[in-house]
Amino acid sequence: MIYNTIKDVATNQGISIYRIEKDLEFPNGLISKWNKSTPSASNLAKVAKYLGVTTEKLLGDG
C-alpha cells in the first residue's frame, strides 16, 4: 500500500521511483520492496519530504 501511494504521488508530480531512489541515494529497488515490507521511519520521512507531502499521506492516513 505504501509503495502504491508513493508511486501515485510521484507519478502525479512527473517523478519516477528510480529518480527518487537515485536522488535520495537509496539502493535501486528499495522503494518497490515496500510493497511487501514496511520502510524505516527515517526513509519514509525522506521520501515524504522529497515529494512535499506528509508521512501520514504516504501511510494513507492523510
Protein backbone atom coordinates (compact mmCIF):
# COMPACT_ATOMS: atom_id res chain seq x y z
CA MET A 1 0.00 0.00 0.00
CA ILE A 2 2.79 2.44 0.89
CA TYR A 3 4.53 1.69 -2.39
CA ASN A 4 1.37 2.33 -4.41
CA THR A 5 0.76 5.63 -2.63
CA ILE A 6 4.34 6.76 -3.23
CA LYS A 7 4.09 5.73 -6.87
CA ASP A 8 0.80 7.62 -7.33
CA VAL A 9 2.11 10.81 -5.70
CA ALA A 10 5.37 10.62 -7.66
CA THR A 11 3.59 9.97 -10.96
CA ASN A 12 1.31 12.96 -10.38
CA GLN A 13 4.45 15.07 -9.97
CA GLY A 14 6.17 13.56 -13.01
CA ILE A 15 8.82 11.81 -10.90
CA SER A 16 9.86 8.19 -11.28
CA ILE A 17 10.56 5.82 -8.40
CA TYR A 18 14.03 5.38 -9.89
CA ARG A 19 14.61 9.16 -9.67
CA ILE A 20 13.55 9.24 -6.02
CA GLU A 21 15.89 6.36 -5.18
CA LYS A 22 18.77 7.95 -7.08
CA ASP A 23 18.29 11.43 -5.59
CA LEU A 24 17.95 10.08 -2.05
CA GLU A 25 20.88 7.69 -2.58
CA PHE A 26 18.73 4.64 -1.81
CA PRO A 27 19.71 1.26 -3.28
CA ASN A 28 17.98 0.54 -6.59
CA GLY A 29 14.68 -1.26 -5.94
CA LEU A 30 14.40 -0.31 -2.26
CA ILE A 31 11.10 1.55 -2.59
CA SER A 32 9.48 -1.23 -4.62
CA LYS A 33 10.33 -3.64 -1.77
CA TRP A 34 8.00 -1.56 0.41
CA ASN A 35 5.16 -3.27 -1.45
CA LYS A 36 5.85 -6.29 0.78
CA SER A 37 7.61 -4.76 3.77
CA THR A 38 7.48 -1.67 5.93
CA PRO A 39 10.06 1.08 5.39
CA SER A 40 12.01 2.57 8.25
CA ALA A 41 10.52 5.76 9.66
CA SER A 42 13.58 7.74 8.56
CA ASN A 43 13.42 6.51 4.96
CA LEU A 44 9.69 7.14 4.78
CA ALA A 45 10.26 10.67 6.11
CA LYS A 46 12.95 11.28 3.46
CA VAL A 47 10.58 10.24 0.68
CA ALA A 48 7.74 12.34 2.11
CA LYS A 49 9.99 15.41 2.31
CA TYR A 50 11.26 14.78 -1.23
CA LEU A 51 7.69 14.62 -2.56
CA GLY A 52 6.49 17.53 -0.42
CA VAL A 53 3.87 15.52 1.43
CA THR A 54 3.41 14.24 4.97
CA THR A 55 4.34 10.77 6.10
CA GLU A 56 0.68 10.40 7.07
CA LYS A 57 -0.33 10.88 3.44
CA LEU A 58 2.09 8.16 2.35
CA LEU A 59 0.72 5.87 5.05
CA GLY A 60 -2.80 6.52 3.81
CA ASP A 61 -3.82 8.47 6.90
CA GLY A 62 -3.93 11.91 5.38
